[in-house]
Amino acid sequence: MYTWLRDRRRALRGKDTQAGMTTAEYAVGTIAAAGFGAVLYKVVTSDAVTGALQSVIGKALDAQF
């Protein structure tokens, strides 16, 4: 029998108390994801990264075929 099916049956019978995430775990995960997104946005919009991207794009457009 498949492992996931066996685990699901245990969860439905109430023998497995760790069947899913609680609301608090979802909240912490959401806050962590939002924080990571904010940091990533700051990095990508920084002057150094913007300049590097413009340089790469400029070199790609000036390439001769």
Protein backbone atom coordinates (compact mmCIF):
# COMPACT_ATOMS: atom_id res chain seq x y z
CA MET A 1 0.00 0.00 0.00
CA TYR A 2 1.21 3.50 -0.75
CA THR A 3 2.79 5.33 2.17
CA TRP A 4 0.83 8.52 1.64
CA LEU A 5 -2.43 6.60 1.65
CA ARG A 6 -1.53 4.84 4.89
CA ASP A 7 -0.56 8.19 6.47
CA ARG A 8 -3.79 9.76 5.27
CA ARG A 9 -5.85 6.96 6.78
CA ARG A 10 -4.06 7.35 10.11
CA ALA A 11 -4.73 11.07 10.06
CA LEU A 12 -8.41 10.53 9.37
CA ARG A 13 -8.66 8.07 12.26
CA GLY A 14 -7.15 10.64 14.62
CA LYS A 15 -4.01 8.67 15.43
CA ASP A 16 -1.72 11.19 13.75
CA THR A 17 -1.78 14.56 15.51
CA GLN A 18 0.70 16.10 13.04
CA ALA A 19 -1.51 15.75 9.98
CA GLY A 20 -1.27 19.38 8.85
CA MET A 21 -0.12 22.88 9.63
CA THR A 22 -1.93 25.00 12.17
CA THR A 23 -2.99 28.59 11.67
CA ALA A 24 0.04 29.85 13.60
CA GLU A 25 2.39 27.92 11.31
CA TYR A 26 0.69 29.41 8.25
CA ALA A 27 1.05 32.89 9.76
CA VAL A 28 4.76 32.43 10.46
CA GLY A 29 5.31 31.03 6.97
CA THR A 30 3.46 33.94 5.39
CA ILE A 31 5.45 36.51 7.36
CA ALA A 32 8.72 34.79 6.47
CA ALA A 33 7.80 34.73 2.78
CA ALA A 34 6.85 38.41 2.83
CA GLY A 35 10.13 39.30 4.56
CA PHE A 36 12.14 37.30 2.03
CA GLY A 37 10.26 39.02 -0.80
CA ALA A 38 11.04 42.46 0.64
CA VAL A 39 14.75 41.66 0.96
CA LEU A 40 14.85 40.23 -2.56
CA TYR A 41 13.12 43.34 -3.93
CA LYS A 42 15.68 45.60 -2.23
CA VAL A 43 18.57 43.58 -3.65
CA VAL A 44 17.21 43.49 -7.19
CA THR A 45 16.41 47.21 -7.24
CA SER A 46 19.80 48.24 -5.80
CA ASP A 47 22.13 50.36 -7.94
CA ALA A 48 24.74 47.59 -8.29
CA VAL A 49 22.29 44.97 -9.57
CA THR A 50 20.47 47.44 -11.81
CA GLY A 51 23.77 48.54 -13.36
CA ALA A 52 24.86 44.95 -13.91
CA LEU A 53 21.56 44.05 -15.58
CA GLN A 54 21.74 47.10 -17.83
CA SER A 55 25.31 46.17 -18.77
CA VAL A 56 24.36 42.59 -19.64
CA ILE A 57 21.35 43.70 -21.68
CA GLY A 58 23.41 46.37 -23.44
CA LYS A 59 26.10 43.85 -24.38
CA ALA A 60 23.46 41.42 -25.63
CA LEU A 61 21.84 44.06 -27.83
CA ASP A 62 25.20 45.18 -29.25
CA ALA A 63 26.26 41.64 -30.17
CA GLN A 64 26.96 41.03 -33.81
CA PHE A 65 25.49 37.99 -35.50
